[in-house]
Amino acid sequence: MRYAIIGHDNDSSLAQRREARPAHLARLEALRDDGRLILAGPFPAIDGEDPGEAGFSGSLIVAEFESLEAARAWADADPYVAAGVYAKVEVKPFKHVLP
């Protein structure tokens, strides 16, 4: 089943995000290589491709996992969680309708 993982950034967490990004991306690339990643990306804090020092307000990952518990466990092990980037992480079942 597919699950949406929504990370909500702590205020002023841009430095931690930058530092943890390579490890975060490596985990996403592993999901992609396993054919389980549907999409992933951050929410810019301002309306623009590159928010600069405004940073990001969070991230969205949609991927396939065996269960809600497996998706939560994967999300809990994210380097952004360990680095204090995320204040809160939501994991929800996701029904892909379009396209």
Protein backbone atom coordinates (compact mmCIF):
# COMPACT_ATOMS: atom_id res chain seq x y z
CA MET A 1 0.00 0.00 0.00
CA ARG A 2 1.09 3.58 -0.49
CA TYR A 3 1.65 5.97 2.40
CA ALA A 4 2.16 9.73 2.63
CA ILE A 5 4.85 10.85 5.04
CA ILE A 6 4.53 14.54 5.90
CA GLY A 7 7.34 16.11 7.89
CA HIS A 8 6.74 19.50 9.50
CA ASP A 9 9.97 21.46 10.01
CA ASN A 10 10.97 23.12 13.25
CA ASP A 11 11.49 26.85 12.97
CA SER A 12 15.07 27.79 12.08
CA SER A 13 16.04 24.23 11.11
CA LEU A 14 17.63 25.09 7.75
CA ALA A 15 21.21 24.46 8.95
CA GLN A 16 20.25 21.02 10.34
CA ARG A 17 18.37 20.24 7.11
CA ARG A 18 21.41 21.08 5.00
CA GLU A 19 23.70 18.95 7.15
CA ALA A 20 21.40 15.89 7.20
CA ARG A 21 20.34 16.17 3.53
CA PRO A 22 22.88 13.72 2.01
CA ALA A 23 21.81 10.92 4.39
CA HIS A 24 18.12 11.78 3.88
CA LEU A 25 18.52 11.64 0.09
CA ALA A 26 20.40 8.34 0.28
CA ARG A 27 17.40 6.72 1.97
CA LEU A 28 15.05 8.14 -0.66
CA GLU A 29 17.32 6.89 -3.43
CA ALA A 30 17.23 3.41 -1.89
CA LEU A 31 13.40 3.51 -1.95
CA ARG A 32 13.55 4.67 -5.57
CA ASP A 33 15.98 1.91 -6.50
CA ASP A 34 13.60 -0.63 -4.92
CA GLY A 35 10.78 0.76 -7.09
CA ARG A 36 8.82 1.94 -4.04
CA LEU A 37 9.19 5.74 -4.20
CA ILE A 38 6.32 7.57 -5.89
CA LEU A 39 7.40 11.15 -5.18
CA ALA A 40 9.35 13.19 -2.66
CA GLY A 41 10.21 16.81 -2.10
CA PRO A 42 10.25 19.73 0.30
CA PHE A 43 7.75 22.54 0.86
CA PRO A 44 9.53 25.87 0.28
CA ALA A 45 8.73 28.37 3.05
CA ILE A 46 8.06 31.02 0.39
CA ASP A 47 6.54 30.91 -3.08
CA GLY A 48 9.54 30.09 -5.22
CA GLU A 49 11.74 27.27 -6.51
CA ASP A 50 14.70 28.30 -4.35
CA PRO A 51 13.60 29.75 -1.02
CA GLY A 52 17.17 30.65 -0.05
CA GLU A 53 17.54 31.47 3.62
CA ALA A 54 13.73 31.33 4.10
CA GLY A 55 14.21 27.57 4.01
CA PHE A 56 11.46 25.01 4.04
CA SER A 57 8.34 24.32 6.08
CA GLY A 58 8.43 20.55 5.66
CA SER A 59 8.54 17.64 3.24
CA LEU A 60 6.28 15.14 1.50
CA ILE A 61 7.18 11.57 0.65
CA VAL A 62 4.78 9.13 -1.00
CA ALA A 63 6.06 5.57 -1.11
CA GLU A 64 5.00 1.94 -0.92
CA PHE A 65 5.40 0.02 2.34
CA GLU A 66 4.09 -3.32 3.59
CA SER A 67 2.07 -1.69 6.37
CA LEU A 68 1.38 1.52 8.22
CA GLU A 69 3.72 0.33 10.95
CA ALA A 70 6.53 -0.22 8.41
CA ALA A 71 5.97 3.26 6.97
CA ARG A 72 6.06 4.80 10.46
CA ALA A 73 9.23 2.91 11.35
CA TRP A 74 10.89 4.10 8.14
CA ALA A 75 9.80 7.70 8.83
CA ASP A 76 11.00 7.55 12.44
CA ALA A 77 14.47 6.50 11.24
CA ASP A 78 14.83 9.46 8.86
CA PRO A 79 18.01 11.51 9.35
CA TYR A 80 15.89 14.67 9.44
CA VAL A 81 14.17 13.32 12.57
CA ALA A 82 17.52 12.53 14.23
CA ALA A 83 18.90 15.96 13.29
CA GLY A 84 15.90 17.82 14.74
CA VAL A 85 14.69 19.15 11.40
CA TYR A 86 11.16 17.84 11.87
CA ALA A 87 8.96 19.02 14.74
CA LYS A 88 6.30 16.49 13.77
CA VAL A 89 5.90 13.67 11.26
CA GLU A 90 2.54 12.38 10.03
CA VAL A 91 2.18 9.04 8.26
CA LYS A 92 -1.10 8.34 6.49
CA PRO A 93 -2.38 5.71 4.08
CA PHE A 94 -2.53 7.21 0.58
CA LYS A 95 -4.85 6.18 -2.23
CA HIS A 96 -3.34 7.16 -5.55
CA VAL A 97 -6.14 8.10 -7.96
CA LEU A 98 -4.60 10.27 -10.71
CA PRO A 99 -2.64 10.22 -12.90
